[in-house]
Amino acid sequence: MIDKLEQIALIKKLNQHKPMPIIWWTCLVLVLPLLCSLLRIQTIWRVGLLFGVFNCAVSYQVGKLIKTHTLKPYWLLFLPVCFCLLVLLKYAKYNLLFGLIYLIFEVFGLMDRQIYK
């Protein structure tokens, strides 16, 4: 077993890398649907609020993080691809459309107030 101090030191070392906020947000996006299923939250609420609203806000934030940390553009694909893999393993296939929606919101976050230019 790893004790608490070693875990904290490992997390601090991981957080020194630029793409770690994107990885943490993606982990949150992947874990929340599983928690909602375990808590037996109705599908309509899970799809509407979690997939529709919360994950779109997170994907917009990820796009802004990619721009502020000046990461490579392929990081735009990390969240949608991980989400689509989770959907293929667990949920209905119609949720694959959300992967495309998240990619669009990430691009909006990457543009960050330059949509009309």
N, C-alpha and C. Protein backbone atom coordinates (compact mmCIF):
# COMPACT_ATOMS: atom_id res chain seq x y z
N MET A 1 0.83 -1.19 0.00
CA MET A 1 0.00 0.00 0.00
C MET A 1 0.88 1.26 0.00
N ILE A 2 0.43 2.20 -0.75
CA ILE A 2 1.11 3.49 -0.78
C ILE A 2 0.51 4.35 0.32
N ASP A 3 1.35 4.95 1.13
CA ASP A 3 0.80 5.78 2.19
C ASP A 3 0.39 7.15 1.64
N LYS A 4 -0.29 7.91 2.46
CA LYS A 4 -0.89 9.18 2.02
C LYS A 4 0.16 10.17 1.52
N LEU A 5 1.30 10.26 2.18
CA LEU A 5 2.32 11.23 1.78
C LEU A 5 2.87 10.90 0.39
N GLU A 6 3.05 9.62 0.11
CA GLU A 6 3.53 9.24 -1.22
C GLU A 6 2.49 9.52 -2.29
N GLN A 7 1.21 9.34 -1.95
CA GLN A 7 0.15 9.65 -2.90
C GLN A 7 0.12 11.14 -3.21
N ILE A 8 0.24 11.96 -2.17
CA ILE A 8 0.23 13.41 -2.36
C ILE A 8 1.44 13.84 -3.19
N ALA A 9 2.60 13.26 -2.92
CA ALA A 9 3.80 13.60 -3.68
C ALA A 9 3.64 13.19 -5.15
N LEU A 10 3.02 12.04 -5.38
CA LEU A 10 2.80 11.59 -6.76
C LEU A 10 1.85 12.52 -7.50
N ILE A 11 0.79 12.94 -6.84
CA ILE A 11 -0.17 13.85 -7.47
C ILE A 11 0.48 15.20 -7.76
N LYS A 12 1.31 15.68 -6.84
CA LYS A 12 2.02 16.95 -7.08
C LYS A 12 2.97 16.85 -8.26
N LYS A 13 3.64 15.71 -8.40
CA LYS A 13 4.53 15.52 -9.55
C LYS A 13 3.73 15.46 -10.85
N LEU A 14 2.60 14.77 -10.82
CA LEU A 14 1.77 14.68 -12.02
C LEU A 14 1.23 16.06 -12.42
N ASN A 15 0.84 16.86 -11.45
CA ASN A 15 0.24 18.16 -11.73
C ASN A 15 1.24 19.17 -12.28
N GLN A 16 2.51 18.85 -12.28
CA GLN A 16 3.51 19.75 -12.86
C GLN A 16 3.47 19.73 -14.39
N HIS A 17 2.88 18.71 -14.97
CA HIS A 17 2.80 18.61 -16.43
C HIS A 17 1.64 19.46 -16.95
N LYS A 18 1.84 20.06 -18.10
CA LYS A 18 0.84 20.97 -18.67
C LYS A 18 -0.52 20.33 -18.94
N PRO A 19 -0.59 19.14 -19.52
CA PRO A 19 -1.91 18.61 -19.88
C PRO A 19 -2.69 17.98 -18.73
N MET A 20 -2.18 18.00 -17.52
CA MET A 20 -2.87 17.33 -16.42
C MET A 20 -4.26 17.89 -16.12
N PRO A 21 -4.51 19.21 -16.20
CA PRO A 21 -5.89 19.66 -15.97
C PRO A 21 -6.89 19.05 -16.96
N ILE A 22 -6.45 18.85 -18.18
CA ILE A 22 -7.33 18.25 -19.19
C ILE A 22 -7.62 16.79 -18.83
N ILE A 23 -6.60 16.11 -18.34
CA ILE A 23 -6.78 14.71 -17.94
C ILE A 23 -7.69 14.62 -16.73
N TRP A 24 -7.54 15.53 -15.76
CA TRP A 24 -8.40 15.51 -14.57
C TRP A 24 -9.86 15.81 -14.95
N TRP A 25 -10.09 16.80 -15.83
CA TRP A 25 -11.46 17.11 -16.27
C TRP A 25 -12.06 15.91 -17.00
N THR A 26 -11.25 15.25 -17.82
CA THR A 26 -11.74 14.09 -18.55
C THR A 26 -12.09 12.96 -17.59
N CYS A 27 -11.28 12.76 -16.57
CA CYS A 27 -11.59 11.74 -15.56
C CYS A 27 -12.91 12.05 -14.87
N LEU A 28 -13.14 13.32 -14.58
CA LEU A 28 -14.41 13.71 -13.94
C LEU A 28 -15.59 13.43 -14.87
N VAL A 29 -15.42 13.76 -16.14
CA VAL A 29 -16.49 13.51 -17.12
C VAL A 29 -16.78 12.02 -17.26
N LEU A 30 -15.77 11.20 -17.11
CA LEU A 30 -15.95 9.76 -17.25
C LEU A 30 -16.52 9.12 -15.99
N VAL A 31 -16.22 9.67 -14.83
CA VAL A 31 -16.66 9.06 -13.57
C VAL A 31 -18.08 9.47 -13.20
N LEU A 32 -18.48 10.69 -13.51
CA LEU A 32 -19.81 11.15 -13.10
C LEU A 32 -20.97 10.33 -13.67
N PRO A 33 -20.95 9.92 -14.94
CA PRO A 33 -22.05 9.07 -15.40
C PRO A 33 -22.11 7.72 -14.67
N LEU A 34 -20.96 7.20 -14.33
CA LEU A 34 -20.94 5.94 -13.59
C LEU A 34 -21.52 6.12 -12.19
N LEU A 35 -21.18 7.24 -11.55
CA LEU A 35 -21.76 7.53 -10.23
C LEU A 35 -23.26 7.75 -10.31
N CYS A 36 -23.71 8.42 -11.35
CA CYS A 36 -25.14 8.64 -11.52
C CYS A 36 -25.87 7.32 -11.72
N SER A 37 -25.24 6.40 -12.42
CA SER A 37 -25.86 5.08 -12.60
C SER A 37 -25.94 4.33 -11.27
N LEU A 38 -24.86 4.43 -10.49
CA LEU A 38 -24.86 3.76 -9.20
C LEU A 38 -25.89 4.36 -8.24
N LEU A 39 -26.09 5.67 -8.35
CA LEU A 39 -27.08 6.35 -7.50
C LEU A 39 -28.49 6.22 -8.04
N ARG A 40 -28.63 5.53 -9.18
CA ARG A 40 -29.92 5.28 -9.84
C ARG A 40 -30.67 6.56 -10.19
N ILE A 41 -29.92 7.53 -10.67
CA ILE A 41 -30.53 8.76 -11.18
C ILE A 41 -31.16 8.43 -12.52
N GLN A 42 -32.35 8.94 -12.75
CA GLN A 42 -33.09 8.60 -13.97
C GLN A 42 -32.30 9.01 -15.21
N THR A 43 -32.52 8.25 -16.27
CA THR A 43 -31.78 8.47 -17.51
C THR A 43 -32.03 9.85 -18.09
N ILE A 44 -33.24 10.34 -17.99
CA ILE A 44 -33.55 11.66 -18.56
C ILE A 44 -32.76 12.77 -17.88
N TRP A 45 -32.59 12.65 -16.56
CA TRP A 45 -31.80 13.65 -15.83
C TRP A 45 -30.32 13.50 -16.13
N ARG A 46 -29.89 12.26 -16.22
CA ARG A 46 -28.47 12.01 -16.49
C ARG A 46 -28.09 12.54 -17.86
N VAL A 47 -28.90 12.26 -18.86
CA VAL A 47 -28.59 12.72 -20.22
C VAL A 47 -28.75 14.22 -20.32
N GLY A 48 -29.83 14.75 -19.77
CA GLY A 48 -30.10 16.17 -19.92
C GLY A 48 -29.14 17.07 -19.16
N LEU A 49 -29.01 16.83 -17.88
CA LEU A 49 -28.17 17.72 -17.08
C LEU A 49 -26.69 17.38 -17.15
N LEU A 50 -26.39 16.11 -17.01
CA LEU A 50 -24.98 15.73 -16.97
C LEU A 50 -24.34 15.79 -18.34
N PHE A 51 -24.90 15.06 -19.30
CA PHE A 51 -24.31 15.03 -20.63
C PHE A 51 -24.56 16.34 -21.39
N GLY A 52 -25.75 16.87 -21.26
CA GLY A 52 -26.11 18.05 -22.03
C GLY A 52 -25.55 19.35 -21.52
N VAL A 53 -25.59 19.56 -20.22
CA VAL A 53 -25.20 20.86 -19.68
C VAL A 53 -23.80 20.82 -19.06
N PHE A 54 -23.61 19.95 -18.08
CA PHE A 54 -22.34 19.94 -17.34
C PHE A 54 -21.16 19.58 -18.23
N ASN A 55 -21.28 18.52 -19.00
CA ASN A 55 -20.15 18.10 -19.84
C ASN A 55 -19.85 19.10 -20.95
N CYS A 56 -20.86 19.81 -21.44
CA CYS A 56 -20.60 20.86 -22.44
C CYS A 56 -19.82 22.01 -21.81
N ALA A 57 -20.16 22.36 -20.58
CA ALA A 57 -19.41 23.41 -19.88
C ALA A 57 -17.97 22.96 -19.62
N VAL A 58 -17.80 21.71 -19.26
CA VAL A 58 -16.46 21.18 -19.03
C VAL A 58 -15.66 21.16 -20.33
N SER A 59 -16.28 20.77 -21.42
CA SER A 59 -15.56 20.73 -22.69
C SER A 59 -15.17 22.13 -23.16
N TYR A 60 -16.02 23.12 -22.90
CA TYR A 60 -15.65 24.51 -23.20
C TYR A 60 -14.43 24.93 -22.37
N GLN A 61 -14.44 24.56 -21.09
CA GLN A 61 -13.32 24.86 -20.21
C GLN A 61 -12.05 24.16 -20.68
N VAL A 62 -12.17 22.94 -21.14
CA VAL A 62 -11.00 22.21 -21.65
C VAL A 62 -10.42 22.93 -22.87
N GLY A 63 -11.29 23.43 -23.74
CA GLY A 63 -10.81 24.20 -24.89
C GLY A 63 -10.04 25.44 -24.48
N LYS A 64 -10.55 26.13 -23.45
CA LYS A 64 -9.83 27.30 -22.94
C LYS A 64 -8.51 26.91 -22.31
N LEU A 65 -8.47 25.79 -21.62
CA LEU A 65 -7.21 25.32 -21.01
C LEU A 65 -6.18 24.97 -22.08
N ILE A 66 -6.62 24.39 -23.18
CA ILE A 66 -5.70 24.06 -24.26
C ILE A 66 -5.07 25.32 -24.81
N LYS A 67 -5.87 26.37 -24.90
CA LYS A 67 -5.34 27.63 -25.41
C LYS A 67 -4.40 28.29 -24.41
N THR A 68 -4.79 28.34 -23.13
CA THR A 68 -3.96 29.03 -22.14
C THR A 68 -2.65 28.30 -21.87
N HIS A 69 -2.66 26.97 -21.92
CA HIS A 69 -1.43 26.21 -21.69
C HIS A 69 -0.65 25.97 -22.97
N THR A 70 -1.14 26.51 -24.08
CA THR A 70 -0.52 26.37 -25.40
C THR A 70 -0.13 24.91 -25.70
N LEU A 71 -1.14 24.05 -25.62
CA LEU A 71 -0.93 22.64 -25.91
C LEU A 71 -1.16 22.37 -27.39
N LYS A 72 -0.74 21.23 -27.83
CA LYS A 72 -0.93 20.83 -29.23
C LYS A 72 -2.42 20.63 -29.50
N PRO A 73 -2.86 20.87 -30.74
CA PRO A 73 -4.28 20.75 -31.07
C PRO A 73 -4.85 19.34 -30.92
N TYR A 74 -4.02 18.31 -30.94
CA TYR A 74 -4.57 16.96 -30.80
C TYR A 74 -5.16 16.70 -29.41
N TRP A 75 -4.88 17.56 -28.44
CA TRP A 75 -5.50 17.43 -27.12
C TRP A 75 -7.00 17.70 -27.19
N LEU A 76 -7.45 18.35 -28.27
CA LEU A 76 -8.89 18.54 -28.46
C LEU A 76 -9.63 17.21 -28.58
N LEU A 77 -8.97 16.19 -29.04
CA LEU A 77 -9.61 14.90 -29.25
C LEU A 77 -9.63 14.02 -28.01
N PHE A 78 -8.89 14.38 -26.98
CA PHE A 78 -8.77 13.51 -25.81
C PHE A 78 -10.11 13.30 -25.11
N LEU A 79 -10.80 14.35 -24.76
CA LEU A 79 -12.09 14.24 -24.05
C LEU A 79 -13.15 13.53 -24.89
N PRO A 80 -13.38 13.94 -26.15
CA PRO A 80 -14.42 13.25 -26.93
C PRO A 80 -14.12 11.77 -27.18
N VAL A 81 -12.86 11.44 -27.44
CA VAL A 81 -12.52 10.04 -27.71
C VAL A 81 -12.70 9.20 -26.45
N CYS A 82 -12.25 9.70 -25.31
CA CYS A 82 -12.43 8.95 -24.06
C CYS A 82 -13.90 8.78 -23.74
N PHE A 83 -14.70 9.82 -23.97
CA PHE A 83 -16.13 9.72 -23.71
C PHE A 83 -16.78 8.71 -24.65
N CYS A 84 -16.40 8.73 -25.92
CA CYS A 84 -16.98 7.77 -26.87
C CYS A 84 -16.59 6.34 -26.53
N LEU A 85 -15.38 6.14 -26.04
CA LEU A 85 -14.99 4.79 -25.61
C LEU A 85 -15.82 4.34 -24.42
N LEU A 86 -16.10 5.24 -23.49
CA LEU A 86 -16.94 4.90 -22.36
C LEU A 86 -18.36 4.57 -22.81
N VAL A 87 -18.85 5.34 -23.77
CA VAL A 87 -20.20 5.11 -24.28
C VAL A 87 -20.28 3.74 -24.96
N LEU A 88 -19.27 3.41 -25.71
CA LEU A 88 -19.28 2.10 -26.39
C LEU A 88 -19.26 0.95 -25.39
N LEU A 89 -18.66 1.17 -24.24
CA LEU A 89 -18.59 0.12 -23.24
C LEU A 89 -19.85 0.01 -22.39
N LYS A 90 -20.51 1.13 -22.14
CA LYS A 90 -21.55 1.12 -21.11
C LYS A 90 -22.93 1.56 -21.60
N TYR A 91 -23.01 2.67 -22.28
CA TYR A 91 -24.30 3.32 -22.52
C TYR A 91 -24.82 3.07 -23.93
N ALA A 92 -25.96 3.69 -24.20
CA ALA A 92 -26.61 3.57 -25.50
C ALA A 92 -25.76 4.23 -26.58
N LYS A 93 -25.88 3.72 -27.78
CA LYS A 93 -25.06 4.20 -28.89
C LYS A 93 -25.42 5.63 -29.32
N TYR A 94 -26.66 6.08 -29.03
CA TYR A 94 -27.01 7.43 -29.44
C TYR A 94 -26.20 8.48 -28.69
N ASN A 95 -25.60 8.12 -27.59
CA ASN A 95 -24.78 9.06 -26.84
C ASN A 95 -23.46 9.36 -27.53
N LEU A 96 -23.12 8.62 -28.58
CA LEU A 96 -21.91 8.92 -29.33
C LEU A 96 -21.97 10.32 -29.95
N LEU A 97 -23.16 10.81 -30.19
CA LEU A 97 -23.32 12.15 -30.73
C LEU A 97 -22.75 13.20 -29.77
N PHE A 98 -22.80 12.91 -28.47
CA PHE A 98 -22.26 13.86 -27.50
C PHE A 98 -20.76 14.05 -27.66
N GLY A 99 -20.04 13.04 -28.13
CA GLY A 99 -18.61 13.20 -28.38
C GLY A 99 -18.35 14.30 -29.40
N LEU A 100 -19.17 14.35 -30.45
CA LEU A 100 -19.05 15.41 -31.45
C LEU A 100 -19.44 16.76 -30.87
N ILE A 101 -20.48 16.78 -30.05
CA ILE A 101 -20.91 18.03 -29.42
C ILE A 101 -19.81 18.56 -28.51
N TYR A 102 -19.15 17.67 -27.75
CA TYR A 102 -18.07 18.11 -26.87
C TYR A 102 -16.89 18.65 -27.67
N LEU A 103 -16.61 18.06 -28.80
CA LEU A 103 -15.53 18.56 -29.66
C LEU A 103 -15.86 19.96 -30.16
N ILE A 104 -17.10 20.20 -30.52
CA ILE A 104 -17.52 21.53 -30.98
C ILE A 104 -17.37 22.55 -29.86
N PHE A 105 -17.79 22.19 -28.64
CA PHE A 105 -17.65 23.12 -27.52
C PHE A 105 -16.18 23.36 -27.17
N GLU A 106 -15.34 22.37 -27.33
CA GLU A 106 -13.91 22.57 -27.11
C GLU A 106 -13.34 23.56 -28.11
N VAL A 107 -13.78 23.47 -29.35
CA VAL A 107 -13.32 24.42 -30.36
C VAL A 107 -13.81 25.82 -30.02
N PHE A 108 -15.04 25.95 -29.52
CA PHE A 108 -15.53 27.26 -29.07
C PHE A 108 -14.67 27.79 -27.93
N GLY A 109 -14.29 26.91 -27.00
CA GLY A 109 -13.39 27.34 -25.91
C GLY A 109 -12.02 27.72 -26.42
N LEU A 110 -11.56 27.03 -27.44
CA LEU A 110 -10.25 27.35 -28.02
C LEU A 110 -10.29 28.70 -28.72
N MET A 111 -11.42 29.03 -29.33
CA MET A 111 -11.56 30.32 -29.99
C MET A 111 -11.68 31.44 -28.97
N ASP A 112 -12.29 31.20 -27.83
CA ASP A 112 -12.34 32.11 -26.67
C ASP A 112 -12.58 33.57 -27.06
N ARG A 113 -13.83 33.89 -27.27
CA ARG A 113 -14.29 35.26 -27.56
C ARG A 113 -13.84 35.76 -28.93
N GLN A 114 -13.44 34.89 -29.81
CA GLN A 114 -13.08 35.29 -31.16
C GLN A 114 -13.99 34.61 -32.17
N ILE A 115 -15.21 34.33 -31.78
CA ILE A 115 -16.13 33.61 -32.64
C ILE A 115 -16.51 34.44 -33.86
N TYR A 116 -16.67 35.73 -33.69
CA TYR A 116 -17.15 36.58 -34.79
C TYR A 116 -16.03 37.21 -35.60
N LYS A 117 -14.80 36.91 -35.32
CA LYS A 117 -13.69 37.51 -36.07
C LYS A 117 -13.32 36.69 -37.26
